[in-house]
Protein backbone atom coordinates (compact mmCIF):
# COMPACT_ATOMS: atom_id res chain seq x y z
CA MET A 1 164.04 65.36 77.15
CA LYS A 2 163.21 61.74 77.82
CA ILE A 3 160.68 61.24 80.61
CA GLY A 4 159.97 58.23 82.81
CA PHE A 5 156.61 58.07 84.58
CA ILE A 6 155.78 55.54 87.31
CA GLY A 7 152.25 55.18 88.70
CA LEU A 8 149.32 54.93 86.29
CA GLY A 9 146.31 55.14 88.58
CA ILE A 10 143.30 57.47 88.52
CA MET A 11 145.59 60.49 88.38
CA GLY A 12 148.73 59.20 86.69
CA LYS A 13 147.11 57.86 83.55
CA PRO A 14 145.55 61.14 82.36
CA MET A 15 148.67 63.03 83.44
CA VAL A 16 150.80 60.95 81.08
CA LYS A 17 148.34 61.60 78.27
CA ASN A 18 148.63 65.35 78.85
CA ILE A 19 152.44 65.20 78.93
CA ILE A 20 152.37 63.59 75.49
CA LYS A 21 149.77 66.06 74.21
CA GLY A 22 152.03 68.82 75.49
CA GLY A 23 154.77 67.81 73.08
CA TYR A 24 156.92 65.48 75.21
CA THR A 25 156.74 62.46 72.98
CA ASP A 26 159.60 60.36 74.39
CA VAL A 27 157.92 58.90 77.48
CA LEU A 28 158.58 55.59 79.24
CA VAL A 29 155.94 54.33 81.67
CA ASN A 30 155.70 51.70 84.37
CA GLY A 31 152.52 50.46 86.04
CA ARG A 32 150.95 47.36 87.52
CA HIS A 33 148.16 46.64 85.03
CA GLN A 34 148.79 45.47 81.48
CA ASP A 35 145.55 46.92 80.12
CA VAL A 36 146.60 50.37 81.32
CA LEU A 37 150.08 49.94 79.85
CA ASP A 38 148.46 48.98 76.55
CA GLU A 39 146.34 52.14 76.72
CA MET A 40 149.41 54.26 77.38
CA GLU A 41 151.27 52.70 74.46
CA ALA A 42 148.31 53.47 72.21
CA CYS A 43 148.81 57.13 73.21
CA GLY A 44 152.49 57.05 72.29
CA ALA A 45 154.24 56.02 75.52
CA LYS A 46 156.43 52.94 75.88
CA SER A 47 156.36 50.37 78.68
CA ALA A 48 159.65 50.02 80.55
CA THR A 49 161.29 48.50 83.62
CA TYR A 50 162.70 50.53 86.49
CA GLU A 51 166.19 49.90 85.14
CA GLU A 52 165.26 51.12 81.66
CA ILE A 53 163.63 54.23 83.08
CA GLY A 54 166.59 54.97 85.35
CA ARG A 55 169.25 54.48 82.69
CA GLN A 56 167.48 56.19 79.78
CA CYS A 57 165.43 59.07 81.21
CA ASP A 58 166.50 62.63 81.93
CA VAL A 59 163.52 63.09 84.25
CA VAL A 60 161.82 60.45 86.40
CA MET A 61 158.30 61.27 87.66
CA THR A 62 156.22 59.34 90.18
CA MET A 63 152.53 59.44 91.07
CA LEU A 64 152.20 56.85 93.83
CA PRO A 65 149.94 56.29 96.86
CA ASN A 66 152.23 57.12 99.81
CA SER A 67 155.74 57.45 101.23
CA PRO A 68 156.57 53.71 101.44
CA GLN A 69 155.75 53.19 97.76
CA VAL A 70 157.86 56.17 96.64
CA LYS A 71 160.79 55.02 98.78
CA GLU A 72 160.54 51.47 97.48
CA VAL A 73 160.30 52.49 93.83
CA MET A 74 163.19 54.94 94.07
CA LEU A 75 165.47 53.64 96.82
CA GLY A 76 164.55 50.00 97.26
CA GLU A 77 166.57 47.06 96.01
CA ASN A 78 166.73 47.48 92.22
CA GLY A 79 164.97 50.82 92.63
CA VAL A 80 165.10 53.45 89.90
CA ALA A 81 167.71 55.61 91.65
CA ALA A 82 170.28 52.81 91.41
CA TYR A 83 170.30 53.28 87.63
CA MET A 84 169.83 57.05 87.28
CA GLN A 85 172.65 59.14 85.85
CA GLU A 86 174.33 62.03 87.65
CA GLY A 87 172.61 65.28 86.78
CA SER A 88 169.25 63.66 86.12
CA MET A 89 166.04 64.81 87.81
CA PHE A 90 163.40 63.24 90.05
CA ILE A 91 159.97 64.85 90.36
CA ASP A 92 157.65 63.21 92.87
CA MET A 93 154.01 64.23 92.38
CA SER A 94 152.72 61.84 95.04
CA SER A 95 151.15 63.21 98.21
CA ILE A 96 153.44 61.97 100.98
CA ASN A 97 154.86 63.01 104.32
CA PRO A 98 157.24 65.96 103.80
CA VAL A 99 159.74 64.30 106.12
CA ALA A 100 159.94 61.41 103.64
CA SER A 101 160.44 63.86 100.76
CA LYS A 102 163.45 65.33 102.53
CA GLU A 103 164.86 61.87 103.27
CA ILE A 104 164.58 60.81 99.62
CA ALA A 105 166.12 64.08 98.43
CA ALA A 106 169.08 63.63 100.79
CA VAL A 107 169.83 60.16 99.41
CA LEU A 108 169.54 61.33 95.81
CA ALA A 109 171.76 64.35 96.47
CA LYS A 110 174.61 61.99 97.29
CA LYS A 111 174.25 60.66 93.74
CA ASN A 112 174.14 64.21 92.31
CA ILE A 113 170.47 63.77 91.40
CA ASP A 114 168.13 66.72 92.01
CA MET A 115 164.55 66.44 93.29
CA LEU A 116 161.33 68.39 93.36
CA ASP A 117 158.35 67.37 95.46
CA ALA A 118 155.35 68.52 93.45
CA PRO A 119 152.04 67.14 94.76
CA VAL A 120 148.86 68.18 93.01
CA SER A 121 145.33 69.24 93.80
CA GLY A 122 142.26 68.94 91.61
CA GLY A 123 141.41 65.25 91.53
CA GLU A 124 140.61 63.16 88.50
CA PRO A 125 138.59 65.81 86.57
CA LYS A 126 141.46 68.30 86.58
CA ALA A 127 143.99 65.55 85.87
CA ILE A 128 141.98 64.75 82.75
CA ASP A 129 141.61 68.32 81.50
CA GLY A 130 145.16 69.30 82.45
CA SER A 131 144.26 71.99 84.98
CA LEU A 132 145.83 70.57 88.14
CA SER A 133 147.41 72.84 90.75
CA PHE A 134 151.04 71.99 91.56
CA MET A 135 152.54 72.83 94.95
CA VAL A 136 156.29 72.53 94.48
CA GLY A 137 159.25 72.26 96.81
CA GLY A 138 162.84 72.55 95.57
CA LYS A 139 165.44 74.91 94.19
CA GLU A 140 163.93 77.89 92.40
CA GLU A 141 166.01 77.42 89.26
CA LEU A 142 164.89 73.79 88.99
CA VAL A 143 161.24 74.76 89.37
CA GLU A 144 161.63 77.20 86.49
CA THR A 145 163.49 74.67 84.35
CA TYR A 146 160.74 72.08 84.69
CA ARG A 147 157.79 74.46 84.84
CA PRO A 148 156.89 73.88 81.14
CA LEU A 149 156.72 70.12 81.79
CA LEU A 150 154.46 70.57 84.83
CA GLU A 151 152.29 73.03 82.92
CA THR A 152 151.35 70.31 80.43
CA MET A 153 149.39 68.80 83.34
CA GLY A 154 148.40 71.84 85.37
CA SER A 155 147.20 75.41 85.16
CA SER A 156 149.01 76.51 88.33
CA VAL A 157 152.61 75.83 89.39
CA VAL A 158 153.62 77.55 92.63
CA ARG A 159 156.97 77.13 94.35
CA CYS A 160 156.35 76.92 98.09
CA GLY A 161 159.94 76.60 99.34
CA GLU A 162 162.66 73.96 99.49
CA VAL A 163 162.11 70.21 99.13
CA GLY A 164 159.31 69.15 101.49
CA ALA A 165 157.46 72.45 101.20
CA GLY A 166 155.33 71.10 98.37
CA ASN A 167 154.00 68.24 100.47
CA THR A 168 153.56 70.47 103.52
CA THR A 169 151.38 72.72 101.36
CA LYS A 170 149.47 69.68 100.05
CA LEU A 171 148.74 68.58 103.62
CA ALA A 172 147.33 72.05 104.34
CA ASN A 173 145.21 71.72 101.19
CA GLN A 174 143.90 68.32 102.24
CA ILE A 175 142.95 69.59 105.69
CA ILE A 176 140.90 72.41 104.15
CA VAL A 177 139.21 70.09 101.64
CA ALA A 178 138.32 67.50 104.29
CA CYS A 179 136.93 70.03 106.74
CA ASN A 180 134.94 71.70 103.95
CA ILE A 181 133.36 68.38 102.99
CA GLN A 182 132.50 67.67 106.61
CA ALA A 183 130.91 71.12 107.04
CA LEU A 184 128.99 70.72 103.79
CA SER A 185 127.72 67.31 104.91
CA GLU A 186 126.45 68.75 108.18
CA ALA A 187 124.83 71.74 106.46
CA LEU A 188 122.92 69.62 103.94
CA THR A 189 121.91 67.23 106.72
CA LEU A 190 120.46 70.19 108.65
CA ALA A 191 118.57 71.35 105.57
CA GLN A 192 117.13 67.90 104.87
CA LYS A 193 116.06 67.35 108.48
CA ALA A 194 114.46 70.82 108.59
CA GLY A 195 112.44 70.08 105.46
CA VAL A 196 114.35 72.39 103.07
CA ASP A 197 115.50 71.07 99.70
CA PRO A 198 119.32 70.64 99.85
CA GLU A 199 119.58 71.50 96.14
CA LEU A 200 117.93 74.88 96.76
CA VAL A 201 120.18 75.49 99.77
CA PHE A 202 123.20 74.76 97.60
CA GLN A 203 122.03 77.11 94.84
CA ALA A 204 121.23 79.86 97.34
CA ILE A 205 124.56 79.88 99.19
CA ARG A 206 127.10 78.87 96.55
CA GLY A 207 127.57 82.45 95.35
CA GLY A 208 128.10 83.87 98.83
CA LEU A 209 130.91 83.68 101.36
CA ALA A 210 130.21 79.99 102.04
CA GLY A 211 130.70 79.13 98.38
CA SER A 212 133.83 77.22 97.40
CA THR A 213 135.32 74.96 94.77
CA VAL A 214 134.77 72.10 97.19
CA MET A 215 131.07 72.92 97.48
CA ASP A 216 130.61 73.24 93.73
CA ALA A 217 132.27 69.87 93.15
CA LYS A 218 130.86 67.87 96.04
CA ALA A 219 127.34 69.16 96.80
CA PRO A 220 125.92 67.87 93.49
CA MET A 221 127.48 64.47 94.17
CA MET A 222 126.00 64.31 97.65
CA ILE A 223 122.55 65.34 96.42
CA ALA A 224 122.62 62.83 93.55
CA GLY A 225 123.95 60.02 95.74
CA ASN A 226 126.99 59.73 93.46
CA ASP A 227 129.98 58.31 95.34
CA LYS A 228 132.07 57.31 92.31
CA PRO A 229 135.63 58.19 93.33
CA GLY A 230 137.41 61.20 91.99
CA PHE A 231 139.47 61.03 95.18
CA LYS A 232 139.02 57.99 97.40
CA ILE A 233 138.33 58.16 101.12
CA ASP A 234 141.21 55.75 101.79
CA LEU A 235 143.62 58.14 100.04
CA HIS A 236 142.31 61.07 102.05
CA ILE A 237 142.77 59.04 105.23
CA LYS A 238 146.39 58.56 104.18
CA ASP A 239 146.83 62.31 103.65
CA LEU A 240 145.28 63.21 106.99
CA ASN A 241 147.42 60.61 108.74
CA ASN A 242 150.46 62.33 107.22
CA ALA A 243 149.10 65.71 108.30
CA LEU A 244 148.59 64.55 111.87
CA ASP A 245 152.01 62.88 111.98
CA CYS A 246 153.64 66.07 110.72
CA ALA A 247 151.59 68.16 113.16
CA HIS A 248 152.69 66.01 116.09
CA THR A 249 156.30 66.44 114.99
CA VAL A 250 156.15 70.24 114.76
CA GLY A 251 153.65 70.80 117.61
CA ALA A 252 150.70 72.10 115.57
CA PRO A 253 147.19 71.48 117.03
CA LEU A 254 144.77 69.97 114.47
CA PRO A 255 141.55 69.09 116.36
CA MET A 256 139.20 69.53 113.36
CA THR A 257 141.47 67.38 111.22
CA ALA A 258 141.44 64.65 113.86
CA GLU A 259 137.63 64.70 113.98
CA VAL A 260 137.08 64.40 110.23
CA GLN A 261 139.74 61.70 110.14
CA GLU A 262 137.65 59.66 112.57
CA ILE A 263 134.59 60.05 110.32
CA MET A 264 136.58 58.90 107.30
CA GLN A 265 137.90 55.97 109.31
CA TRP A 266 134.29 55.03 110.15
CA MET A 267 133.54 55.06 106.43
CA HIS A 268 136.55 52.83 105.77
CA ASN A 269 135.35 50.38 108.41
CA HIS A 270 131.90 50.31 106.79
CA GLU A 271 133.06 49.45 103.26
CA GLY A 272 133.35 53.06 102.18
CA GLY A 273 137.10 53.40 101.73
CA GLN A 274 136.97 53.16 97.94
CA LYS A 275 134.18 55.74 97.63
CA ASP A 276 134.70 59.41 96.82
CA HIS A 277 135.55 61.50 99.89
CA SER A 278 132.24 63.34 99.46
CA ALA A 279 130.64 60.09 100.65
CA ILE A 280 131.36 61.04 104.26
CA VAL A 281 127.86 62.54 104.04
CA GLN A 282 126.76 58.90 104.32
CA TYR A 283 128.02 58.92 107.90
CA TYR A 284 125.45 61.63 108.67
CA GLU A 285 122.81 59.74 106.67
CA TYR A 286 123.50 56.73 108.85
CA LEU A 287 123.12 58.77 112.05
CA THR A 288 119.87 60.43 110.92
CA ASP A 289 118.34 57.70 108.75
CA ILE A 290 117.79 60.13 105.86
CA ARG A 291 119.09 60.41 102.30
CA ILE A 292 120.33 63.83 101.25
CA GLY A 293 118.23 65.11 98.34
CA ARG A 294 116.85 61.66 97.53
């Protein structure tokens, strides 16, 4: 099958590379930066316009920042959907509001174009090594049809329900990750202020009930003072905004989510929006005038 891929950022670029490594060699790509397009072409992909992707590809995939970008790329004036053929497929791997996923799917359905919303978890490291976790919404038979394609990029593909369920699951994931990072920040701050080495605290508790994938990934970054983004604070703010918007719509109380969102917003306002989300520990460092582990 011929694949079109739009969005070549931190996540999209390695995902395309893994699609090609997985045996899908007919791939058209579209992105904003020529140097990245050149890199993709060196891996075997071909640069293309929205029209070329829409007319030529059996499957169109997007990995974009948020709902407005996905809607513009697909449904905007001269968007990809205007050129897609009946019976073709759209797989959106962006993390967006599930309400928007349903709206896009409804428009595409009128053109006899199917859709899966398939956001991912794992950040840049898992995008690079091809072990992302996909949370998928859509018809079961479509999930199974395109499972081999998704498995070139991920080690887990789980159908969560109909279109929109994938992004609802991703919002739940992002709540858990954010609240874990906040709790970890507070715990290491307590250790540092009490005169106990945060590295030893991390090693002592990581194998117990408090241990988690989040802790294993983010505690070493906090202790080393490494805030190079695997997942940017500004992107997590976007996800939590979507979570809170969805929660307000369905009547779900999310007080912890609202609190960590405020901390991330503080980081954004203090030039921290482009840092890794583990950098919210710097909020606590600011309050206490300490440096975790350093």
